[in-house]
């Protein structure tokens, strides 16, 4: 199989070089998976715009979705990254482990995590009980649309890493 090396700044298009510079300023490094997206002249800018678009979900809710989707899809890169980002958004280690197991002690968040896992496992064909629980917990139709968009964002990155397997540059997620 073709090996995907992580491209350096000099190996990517000028538009991506500027994005690398911005990522270095904001994060202190360019995550390997973002660098790999830069193989596409337009892909990194397109993906970052999609990923950073406004949503009705809170950052904490987005991280819970990112983590459970990455867990279901078996993406070690994204699990590792979202454990770090989850902690930055206020989750404890225990809460993050619960989310990776598809649950949360917070009832509303639990319905979000359960539905995100169901959507991911069943390619959008979620069970009626999970959808009903989501709405009963206070989520709206807007939240459902934004949940689907969040699942699609993370699924794309999970699939990319599962295929190209660039090195994980976050503390490695422990097996569960």
N, C-alpha and C. Protein backbone atom coordinates (compact mmCIF):
# COMPACT_ATOMS: atom_id res chain seq x y z
N UNK A 1 0.83 -1.18 0.00
CA UNK A 1 0.00 0.00 0.00
C UNK A 1 0.88 1.25 0.00
N UNK A 2 0.41 2.29 -0.64
CA UNK A 2 1.12 3.56 -0.69
C UNK A 2 1.31 4.11 0.71
N UNK A 3 2.51 4.60 1.00
CA UNK A 3 2.80 5.20 2.29
C UNK A 3 2.56 6.70 2.19
N UNK A 4 1.91 7.24 3.20
CA UNK A 4 1.66 8.67 3.26
C UNK A 4 2.56 9.28 4.32
N UNK A 5 3.59 9.95 3.86
CA UNK A 5 4.45 10.69 4.76
C UNK A 5 3.76 12.01 5.09
N UNK A 6 4.07 12.58 6.23
CA UNK A 6 3.51 13.88 6.60
C UNK A 6 4.26 14.94 5.79
N UNK A 7 3.55 15.69 4.96
CA UNK A 7 4.24 16.69 4.16
C UNK A 7 4.74 17.85 5.02
N UNK A 8 5.86 18.39 4.63
CA UNK A 8 6.40 19.57 5.30
C UNK A 8 5.79 20.82 4.69
N UNK A 9 6.02 21.93 5.32
CA UNK A 9 5.50 23.21 4.82
C UNK A 9 5.96 23.45 3.38
N UNK A 10 7.21 23.14 3.11
CA UNK A 10 7.77 23.39 1.79
C UNK A 10 7.18 22.48 0.71
N UNK A 11 6.56 21.40 1.10
CA UNK A 11 6.03 20.43 0.13
C UNK A 11 4.57 20.66 -0.23
N UNK A 12 3.94 21.68 0.37
CA UNK A 12 2.53 21.92 0.11
C UNK A 12 2.35 23.23 -0.65
N UNK A 13 1.15 23.40 -1.23
CA UNK A 13 0.83 24.61 -2.00
C UNK A 13 0.92 25.86 -1.12
N UNK A 14 1.20 27.01 -1.72
CA UNK A 14 1.31 28.25 -0.95
C UNK A 14 0.10 28.54 -0.05
N UNK A 15 -1.11 28.26 -0.51
CA UNK A 15 -2.29 28.49 0.32
C UNK A 15 -2.22 27.64 1.60
N UNK A 16 -1.71 26.42 1.47
CA UNK A 16 -1.57 25.56 2.64
C UNK A 16 -0.38 25.97 3.52
N UNK A 17 0.65 26.54 2.92
CA UNK A 17 1.76 27.04 3.71
C UNK A 17 1.28 28.13 4.67
N UNK A 18 0.40 29.00 4.18
CA UNK A 18 -0.15 30.06 5.03
C UNK A 18 -0.99 29.45 6.16
N UNK A 19 -1.75 28.40 5.85
CA UNK A 19 -2.55 27.74 6.88
C UNK A 19 -1.63 27.06 7.90
N UNK A 20 -0.57 26.43 7.43
CA UNK A 20 0.41 25.84 8.35
C UNK A 20 0.94 26.92 9.31
N UNK A 21 1.27 28.10 8.78
CA UNK A 21 1.77 29.19 9.61
C UNK A 21 0.74 29.58 10.67
N UNK A 22 -0.52 29.68 10.27
CA UNK A 22 -1.58 30.03 11.22
C UNK A 22 -1.77 28.95 12.28
N UNK A 23 -1.71 27.69 11.87
CA UNK A 23 -1.84 26.59 12.83
C UNK A 23 -0.68 26.59 13.81
N UNK A 24 0.51 26.85 13.31
CA UNK A 24 1.68 26.94 14.19
C UNK A 24 1.52 28.05 15.22
N UNK A 25 0.97 29.19 14.79
CA UNK A 25 0.74 30.31 15.72
C UNK A 25 -0.32 29.94 16.75
N UNK A 26 -1.40 29.30 16.31
CA UNK A 26 -2.52 29.01 17.20
C UNK A 26 -2.27 27.81 18.11
N UNK A 27 -1.66 26.75 17.57
CA UNK A 27 -1.52 25.50 18.31
C UNK A 27 -0.08 25.19 18.74
N UNK A 28 0.86 25.86 18.10
CA UNK A 28 2.26 25.56 18.38
C UNK A 28 2.81 24.44 17.50
N UNK A 29 1.96 23.85 16.66
CA UNK A 29 2.37 22.81 15.72
C UNK A 29 1.26 22.60 14.70
N UNK A 30 1.57 21.87 13.65
CA UNK A 30 0.57 21.48 12.66
C UNK A 30 0.28 20.00 12.90
N UNK A 31 -0.91 19.67 13.36
CA UNK A 31 -1.23 18.25 13.57
C UNK A 31 -1.00 17.45 12.28
N UNK A 32 -0.45 16.27 12.42
CA UNK A 32 -0.11 15.45 11.25
C UNK A 32 -1.30 15.19 10.33
N UNK A 33 -2.48 14.99 10.90
CA UNK A 33 -3.63 14.72 10.04
C UNK A 33 -4.01 15.95 9.23
N UNK A 34 -3.91 17.14 9.81
CA UNK A 34 -4.15 18.37 9.05
C UNK A 34 -3.09 18.51 7.95
N UNK A 35 -1.85 18.22 8.30
CA UNK A 35 -0.78 18.31 7.29
C UNK A 35 -1.07 17.37 6.13
N UNK A 36 -1.56 16.19 6.42
CA UNK A 36 -1.87 15.22 5.36
C UNK A 36 -3.00 15.72 4.47
N UNK A 37 -3.95 16.43 5.03
CA UNK A 37 -5.03 16.99 4.21
C UNK A 37 -4.45 17.96 3.19
N UNK A 38 -3.30 18.57 3.51
CA UNK A 38 -2.67 19.54 2.63
C UNK A 38 -2.10 18.91 1.37
N UNK A 39 -2.15 17.59 1.25
CA UNK A 39 -1.83 16.98 -0.06
C UNK A 39 -2.79 17.53 -1.11
N UNK A 40 -3.99 17.88 -0.68
CA UNK A 40 -4.97 18.52 -1.57
C UNK A 40 -4.76 20.03 -1.49
N UNK A 41 -4.59 20.66 -2.62
CA UNK A 41 -4.37 22.10 -2.65
C UNK A 41 -5.51 22.85 -1.95
N UNK A 42 -6.74 22.37 -2.11
CA UNK A 42 -7.91 23.06 -1.55
C UNK A 42 -8.50 22.38 -0.32
N UNK A 43 -8.06 21.16 -0.03
CA UNK A 43 -8.70 20.37 1.01
C UNK A 43 -8.59 20.94 2.41
N UNK A 44 -7.43 21.43 2.79
CA UNK A 44 -7.24 21.89 4.16
C UNK A 44 -8.08 23.13 4.44
N UNK A 45 -8.06 24.08 3.54
CA UNK A 45 -8.87 25.29 3.73
C UNK A 45 -10.36 24.94 3.78
N UNK A 46 -10.79 24.06 2.89
CA UNK A 46 -12.19 23.64 2.83
C UNK A 46 -12.58 22.92 4.12
N UNK A 47 -11.74 22.01 4.59
CA UNK A 47 -12.06 21.26 5.79
C UNK A 47 -12.09 22.16 7.02
N UNK A 48 -11.11 23.03 7.18
CA UNK A 48 -11.07 23.90 8.35
C UNK A 48 -12.26 24.85 8.38
N UNK A 49 -12.70 25.33 7.23
CA UNK A 49 -13.89 26.19 7.19
C UNK A 49 -15.11 25.39 7.65
N UNK A 50 -15.22 24.16 7.19
CA UNK A 50 -16.34 23.30 7.59
C UNK A 50 -16.28 23.00 9.08
N UNK A 51 -15.10 22.64 9.55
CA UNK A 51 -14.92 22.26 10.95
C UNK A 51 -15.17 23.44 11.89
N UNK A 52 -14.83 24.63 11.47
CA UNK A 52 -14.95 25.80 12.33
C UNK A 52 -16.23 26.60 12.12
N UNK A 53 -17.14 26.10 11.31
CA UNK A 53 -18.40 26.79 11.05
C UNK A 53 -19.24 26.86 12.34
N UNK A 54 -20.10 27.85 12.42
CA UNK A 54 -20.99 28.00 13.57
C UNK A 54 -21.92 26.80 13.67
N UNK A 55 -22.29 26.46 14.91
CA UNK A 55 -23.16 25.32 15.17
C UNK A 55 -23.98 25.61 16.42
N UNK A 56 -25.08 24.92 16.55
CA UNK A 56 -25.91 25.06 17.75
C UNK A 56 -25.39 24.21 18.90
N UNK A 57 -24.42 23.36 18.63
CA UNK A 57 -23.83 22.52 19.69
C UNK A 57 -22.71 23.29 20.39
N UNK A 58 -22.61 23.11 21.69
CA UNK A 58 -21.51 23.73 22.44
C UNK A 58 -20.20 23.02 22.11
N UNK A 59 -19.09 23.64 22.44
CA UNK A 59 -17.79 23.01 22.22
C UNK A 59 -17.70 21.68 22.97
N UNK A 60 -18.25 21.64 24.17
CA UNK A 60 -18.23 20.41 24.96
C UNK A 60 -19.05 19.32 24.27
N UNK A 61 -20.22 19.68 23.76
CA UNK A 61 -21.04 18.71 23.03
C UNK A 61 -20.32 18.24 21.76
N UNK A 62 -19.69 19.16 21.05
CA UNK A 62 -18.95 18.78 19.85
C UNK A 62 -17.84 17.79 20.20
N UNK A 63 -17.13 18.04 21.28
CA UNK A 63 -16.04 17.13 21.66
C UNK A 63 -16.57 15.76 22.06
N UNK A 64 -17.73 15.71 22.73
CA UNK A 64 -18.33 14.42 23.07
C UNK A 64 -18.67 13.65 21.80
N UNK A 65 -19.24 14.34 20.81
CA UNK A 65 -19.57 13.70 19.53
C UNK A 65 -18.29 13.25 18.83
N UNK A 66 -17.30 14.13 18.77
CA UNK A 66 -16.04 13.78 18.11
C UNK A 66 -15.42 12.51 18.72
N UNK A 67 -15.48 12.42 20.03
CA UNK A 67 -14.85 11.30 20.71
C UNK A 67 -15.61 10.00 20.49
N UNK A 68 -16.93 10.01 20.62
CA UNK A 68 -17.68 8.76 20.43
C UNK A 68 -17.65 8.32 18.97
N UNK A 69 -17.72 9.24 18.04
CA UNK A 69 -17.64 8.87 16.62
C UNK A 69 -16.27 8.25 16.32
N UNK A 70 -15.22 8.85 16.84
CA UNK A 70 -13.87 8.32 16.63
C UNK A 70 -13.70 6.95 17.27
N UNK A 71 -14.33 6.75 18.42
CA UNK A 71 -14.29 5.45 19.08
C UNK A 71 -15.01 4.40 18.22
N UNK A 72 -16.21 4.72 17.79
CA UNK A 72 -16.99 3.78 16.96
C UNK A 72 -16.24 3.45 15.68
N UNK A 73 -15.62 4.46 15.07
CA UNK A 73 -14.92 4.26 13.80
C UNK A 73 -13.50 3.71 13.97
N UNK A 74 -13.08 3.50 15.21
CA UNK A 74 -11.77 2.89 15.46
C UNK A 74 -10.59 3.74 15.01
N UNK A 75 -10.71 5.06 15.14
CA UNK A 75 -9.63 5.95 14.71
C UNK A 75 -8.79 6.37 15.92
N UNK A 76 -7.63 5.77 16.07
CA UNK A 76 -6.77 6.05 17.20
C UNK A 76 -6.23 7.48 17.17
N UNK A 77 -5.99 8.03 16.00
CA UNK A 77 -5.51 9.41 15.90
C UNK A 77 -6.54 10.35 16.51
N UNK A 78 -7.79 10.24 16.05
CA UNK A 78 -8.83 11.16 16.51
C UNK A 78 -9.23 10.89 17.96
N UNK A 79 -9.20 9.65 18.40
CA UNK A 79 -9.45 9.38 19.82
C UNK A 79 -8.40 10.11 20.65
N UNK A 80 -7.15 9.99 20.25
CA UNK A 80 -6.05 10.63 20.99
C UNK A 80 -6.20 12.15 21.00
N UNK A 81 -6.49 12.73 19.85
CA UNK A 81 -6.64 14.19 19.76
C UNK A 81 -7.82 14.67 20.60
N UNK A 82 -8.92 13.95 20.55
CA UNK A 82 -10.13 14.43 21.23
C UNK A 82 -10.14 14.13 22.73
N UNK A 83 -9.26 13.27 23.19
CA UNK A 83 -9.06 13.16 24.64
C UNK A 83 -8.40 14.44 25.15
N UNK A 84 -7.42 14.94 24.41
CA UNK A 84 -6.75 16.19 24.78
C UNK A 84 -7.74 17.36 24.69
N UNK A 85 -8.46 17.44 23.57
CA UNK A 85 -9.40 18.55 23.37
C UNK A 85 -10.58 18.46 24.34
N UNK A 86 -11.00 17.25 24.66
CA UNK A 86 -12.07 17.07 25.64
C UNK A 86 -11.69 17.62 27.00
N UNK A 87 -10.45 17.36 27.42
CA UNK A 87 -9.97 17.90 28.70
C UNK A 87 -9.90 19.42 28.64
N UNK A 88 -9.48 19.96 27.50
CA UNK A 88 -9.42 21.41 27.34
C UNK A 88 -10.82 22.04 27.40
N UNK A 89 -11.85 21.25 27.11
CA UNK A 89 -13.23 21.74 27.14
C UNK A 89 -13.97 21.34 28.41
N UNK A 90 -13.23 20.91 29.44
CA UNK A 90 -13.82 20.73 30.75
C UNK A 90 -14.20 19.32 31.16
N UNK A 91 -13.93 18.33 30.34
CA UNK A 91 -14.22 16.95 30.73
C UNK A 91 -13.11 16.40 31.62
N UNK A 92 -13.48 15.53 32.55
CA UNK A 92 -12.49 14.81 33.36
C UNK A 92 -12.10 13.54 32.62
N UNK A 93 -11.03 12.89 33.08
CA UNK A 93 -10.63 11.61 32.49
C UNK A 93 -11.75 10.58 32.59
N UNK A 94 -12.43 10.55 33.73
CA UNK A 94 -13.53 9.59 33.92
C UNK A 94 -14.68 9.87 32.96
N UNK A 95 -15.02 11.12 32.78
CA UNK A 95 -16.09 11.48 31.84
C UNK A 95 -15.72 11.11 30.41
N UNK A 96 -14.47 11.32 30.04
CA UNK A 96 -14.01 10.98 28.69
C UNK A 96 -14.04 9.46 28.48
N UNK A 97 -13.67 8.70 29.49
CA UNK A 97 -13.74 7.24 29.39
C UNK A 97 -15.20 6.80 29.23
N UNK A 98 -16.10 7.41 30.00
CA UNK A 98 -17.52 7.09 29.86
C UNK A 98 -18.01 7.37 28.43
N UNK A 99 -17.63 8.51 27.89
CA UNK A 99 -18.05 8.86 26.53
C UNK A 99 -17.52 7.84 25.54
N UNK A 100 -16.29 7.42 25.70
CA UNK A 100 -15.73 6.40 24.80
C UNK A 100 -16.51 5.09 24.90
N UNK A 101 -17.13 4.85 26.06
CA UNK A 101 -17.97 3.67 26.24
C UNK A 101 -19.41 3.93 25.80
N UNK A 102 -19.69 5.14 25.29
CA UNK A 102 -21.01 5.45 24.76
C UNK A 102 -22.02 5.93 25.77
N UNK A 103 -21.54 6.53 26.86
CA UNK A 103 -22.49 7.00 27.89
C UNK A 103 -21.95 8.23 28.58
N UNK A 104 -22.83 8.87 29.34
CA UNK A 104 -22.45 10.02 30.17
C UNK A 104 -23.38 10.05 31.38
N UNK A 105 -22.85 10.50 32.51
CA UNK A 105 -23.68 10.62 33.72
C UNK A 105 -24.65 11.80 33.61
N UNK A 106 -24.38 12.72 32.70
CA UNK A 106 -25.28 13.84 32.42
C UNK A 106 -26.34 13.35 31.43
N UNK A 107 -27.61 13.36 31.82
CA UNK A 107 -28.66 12.77 31.01
C UNK A 107 -28.73 13.37 29.60
N UNK A 108 -28.68 14.68 29.49
CA UNK A 108 -28.78 15.31 28.17
C UNK A 108 -27.60 14.90 27.29
N UNK A 109 -26.41 14.98 27.85
CA UNK A 109 -25.22 14.60 27.08
C UNK A 109 -25.26 13.10 26.74
N UNK A 110 -25.80 12.31 27.64
CA UNK A 110 -25.92 10.87 27.39
C UNK A 110 -26.76 10.60 26.14
N UNK A 111 -27.86 11.35 25.97
CA UNK A 111 -28.70 11.14 24.78
C UNK A 111 -27.97 11.55 23.51
N UNK A 112 -27.16 12.61 23.61
CA UNK A 112 -26.37 13.06 22.46
C UNK A 112 -25.34 12.01 22.07
N UNK A 113 -24.62 11.49 23.05
CA UNK A 113 -23.59 10.48 22.81
C UNK A 113 -24.22 9.20 22.24
N UNK A 114 -25.34 8.78 22.82
CA UNK A 114 -26.00 7.56 22.35
C UNK A 114 -26.47 7.71 20.91
N UNK A 115 -27.04 8.86 20.59
CA UNK A 115 -27.52 9.07 19.22
C UNK A 115 -26.35 9.17 18.24
N UNK A 116 -25.30 9.87 18.62
CA UNK A 116 -24.12 9.99 17.74
C UNK A 116 -23.52 8.62 17.46
N UNK A 117 -23.43 7.77 18.49
CA UNK A 117 -22.90 6.42 18.30
C UNK A 117 -23.81 5.61 17.38
N UNK A 118 -25.11 5.71 17.58
CA UNK A 118 -26.08 4.97 16.78
C UNK A 118 -26.03 5.42 15.32
N UNK A 119 -25.98 6.73 15.10
CA UNK A 119 -25.88 7.27 13.74
C UNK A 119 -24.63 6.73 13.05
N UNK A 120 -23.52 6.73 13.77
CA UNK A 120 -22.25 6.29 13.20
C UNK A 120 -22.27 4.80 12.90
N UNK A 121 -22.69 4.00 13.87
CA UNK A 121 -22.72 2.55 13.68
C UNK A 121 -23.63 2.13 12.55
N UNK A 122 -24.75 2.84 12.42
CA UNK A 122 -25.78 2.42 11.47
C UNK A 122 -25.91 3.32 10.26
N UNK A 123 -24.84 4.07 9.98
CA UNK A 123 -24.74 4.92 8.78
C UNK A 123 -25.97 5.80 8.58
N UNK A 124 -26.38 6.44 9.69
CA UNK A 124 -27.49 7.39 9.61
C UNK A 124 -28.85 6.80 9.94
N UNK A 125 -28.93 5.50 10.05
CA UNK A 125 -30.20 4.84 10.34
C UNK A 125 -30.34 4.59 11.84
N UNK A 126 -30.47 5.66 12.59
CA UNK A 126 -30.53 5.56 14.05
C UNK A 126 -31.88 5.02 14.51
N UNK A 127 -31.84 4.38 15.66
CA UNK A 127 -33.05 3.83 16.25
C UNK A 127 -33.98 4.93 16.74
N UNK A 128 -35.26 4.68 16.58
CA UNK A 128 -36.29 5.64 16.98
C UNK A 128 -36.18 6.02 18.45
N UNK A 129 -35.84 5.04 19.30
CA UNK A 129 -35.74 5.31 20.73
C UNK A 129 -34.63 6.32 21.05
N UNK A 130 -33.51 6.26 20.32
CA UNK A 130 -32.43 7.22 20.55
C UNK A 130 -32.81 8.61 20.04
N UNK A 131 -33.51 8.67 18.92
CA UNK A 131 -33.97 9.96 18.39
C UNK A 131 -34.99 10.58 19.35
N UNK A 132 -35.94 9.78 19.81
CA UNK A 132 -36.96 10.28 20.74
C UNK A 132 -36.32 10.76 22.05
N UNK A 133 -35.35 10.02 22.57
CA UNK A 133 -34.67 10.41 23.81
C UNK A 133 -33.92 11.73 23.62
N UNK A 134 -33.31 11.90 22.46
CA UNK A 134 -32.58 13.13 22.12
C UNK A 134 -33.52 14.34 22.22
N UNK A 135 -34.68 14.23 21.59
CA UNK A 135 -35.64 15.34 21.63
C UNK A 135 -36.24 15.50 23.02
N UNK A 136 -36.51 14.42 23.70
CA UNK A 136 -37.06 14.48 25.06
C UNK A 136 -36.09 15.17 26.03
N UNK A 137 -34.80 15.08 25.75
CA UNK A 137 -33.78 15.70 26.61
C UNK A 137 -33.67 17.21 26.37
N UNK A 138 -34.39 17.71 25.37
CA UNK A 138 -34.38 19.15 25.13
C UNK A 138 -33.67 19.59 23.87
N UNK A 139 -33.14 18.65 23.12
CA UNK A 139 -32.50 19.02 21.86
C UNK A 139 -33.57 19.34 20.82
N UNK A 140 -33.18 20.10 19.81
CA UNK A 140 -34.10 20.58 18.77
C UNK A 140 -33.76 19.97 17.41
N UNK A 141 -34.60 20.27 16.43
CA UNK A 141 -34.32 19.83 15.06
C UNK A 141 -33.04 20.47 14.55
N UNK A 142 -32.78 21.71 14.94
CA UNK A 142 -31.52 22.37 14.57
C UNK A 142 -30.35 21.59 15.14
N UNK A 143 -30.46 21.18 16.40
CA UNK A 143 -29.39 20.40 17.02
C UNK A 143 -29.18 19.09 16.29
N UNK A 144 -30.26 18.46 15.82
CA UNK A 144 -30.13 17.19 15.09
C UNK A 144 -29.36 17.39 13.79
N UNK A 145 -29.70 18.44 13.06
CA UNK A 145 -28.96 18.73 11.82
C UNK A 145 -27.49 18.98 12.14
N UNK A 146 -27.22 19.78 13.16
CA UNK A 146 -25.83 20.07 13.52
C UNK A 146 -25.10 18.83 14.03
N UNK A 147 -25.82 17.93 14.69
CA UNK A 147 -25.22 16.66 15.10
C UNK A 147 -24.79 15.85 13.89
N UNK A 148 -25.65 15.75 12.89
CA UNK A 148 -25.31 15.01 11.67
C UNK A 148 -24.08 15.63 11.00
N UNK A 149 -24.03 16.95 10.95
CA UNK A 149 -22.88 17.62 10.35
C UNK A 149 -21.61 17.35 11.15
N UNK A 150 -21.72 17.31 12.48
CA UNK A 150 -20.55 17.01 13.32
C UNK A 150 -20.09 15.57 13.11
N UNK A 151 -21.04 14.65 13.02
CA UNK A 151 -20.69 13.24 12.76
C UNK A 151 -19.97 13.14 11.41
N UNK A 152 -20.46 13.87 10.41
CA UNK A 152 -19.84 13.79 9.08
C UNK A 152 -18.42 14.36 9.09
N UNK A 153 -18.22 15.46 9.81
CA UNK A 153 -16.90 16.07 9.95
C UNK A 153 -15.93 15.04 10.53
N UNK A 154 -16.32 14.43 11.63
CA UNK A 154 -15.40 13.51 12.31
C UNK A 154 -15.23 12.22 11.54
N UNK A 155 -16.29 11.73 10.92
CA UNK A 155 -16.18 10.50 10.13
C UNK A 155 -15.18 10.68 8.99
N UNK A 156 -15.20 11.83 8.34
CA UNK A 156 -14.25 12.08 7.25
C UNK A 156 -12.82 11.98 7.76
N UNK A 157 -12.54 12.59 8.91
CA UNK A 157 -11.17 12.54 9.45
C UNK A 157 -10.82 11.13 9.93
N UNK A 158 -11.79 10.43 10.52
CA UNK A 158 -11.55 9.04 10.94
C UNK A 158 -11.20 8.18 9.74
N UNK A 159 -11.95 8.32 8.68
CA UNK A 159 -11.69 7.52 7.48
C UNK A 159 -10.33 7.86 6.88
N UNK A 160 -10.01 9.15 6.85
CA UNK A 160 -8.72 9.55 6.30
C UNK A 160 -7.59 8.93 7.10
N UNK A 161 -7.63 9.04 8.42
CA UNK A 161 -6.54 8.47 9.20
C UNK A 161 -6.53 6.95 9.13
N UNK A 162 -7.70 6.33 9.18
CA UNK A 162 -7.73 4.86 9.12
C UNK A 162 -7.12 4.35 7.82
N UNK A 163 -7.18 5.15 6.76
CA UNK A 163 -6.61 4.75 5.48
C UNK A 163 -5.13 5.10 5.37
N UNK A 164 -4.75 6.32 5.73
CA UNK A 164 -3.36 6.75 5.46
C UNK A 164 -2.42 6.55 6.65
N UNK A 165 -2.95 6.44 7.85
CA UNK A 165 -2.18 6.09 9.05
C UNK A 165 -0.94 6.95 9.30
N UNK A 166 -1.09 8.28 9.18
CA UNK A 166 0.03 9.13 9.57
C UNK A 166 0.26 8.96 11.08
N UNK A 167 1.49 9.23 11.55
CA UNK A 167 1.76 9.05 12.99
C UNK A 167 0.88 9.92 13.87
N UNK A 168 0.49 9.36 15.01
CA UNK A 168 -0.29 10.11 16.00
C UNK A 168 0.66 11.04 16.74
N UNK A 169 0.34 12.33 16.75
CA UNK A 169 1.20 13.32 17.39
C UNK A 169 0.53 13.95 18.61
N UNK A 170 -0.34 13.19 19.25
CA UNK A 170 -0.96 13.52 20.53
C UNK A 170 -0.65 12.37 21.47
N UNK A 171 -0.76 12.58 22.78
CA UNK A 171 -0.59 11.43 23.69
C UNK A 171 -1.56 10.31 23.28
N UNK A 172 -1.04 9.12 23.13
CA UNK A 172 -1.82 8.01 22.60
C UNK A 172 -2.98 7.63 23.52
N UNK A 173 -4.17 7.54 22.95
CA UNK A 173 -5.35 7.14 23.72
C UNK A 173 -5.16 5.72 24.22
N UNK A 174 -5.42 5.50 25.51
CA UNK A 174 -5.31 4.12 26.02
C UNK A 174 -6.41 3.25 25.44
N UNK A 175 -6.12 1.98 25.29
CA UNK A 175 -7.14 1.04 24.82
C UNK A 175 -8.22 0.90 25.89
N UNK A 176 -9.44 0.72 25.43
CA UNK A 176 -10.53 0.44 26.38
C UNK A 176 -11.28 -0.81 25.95
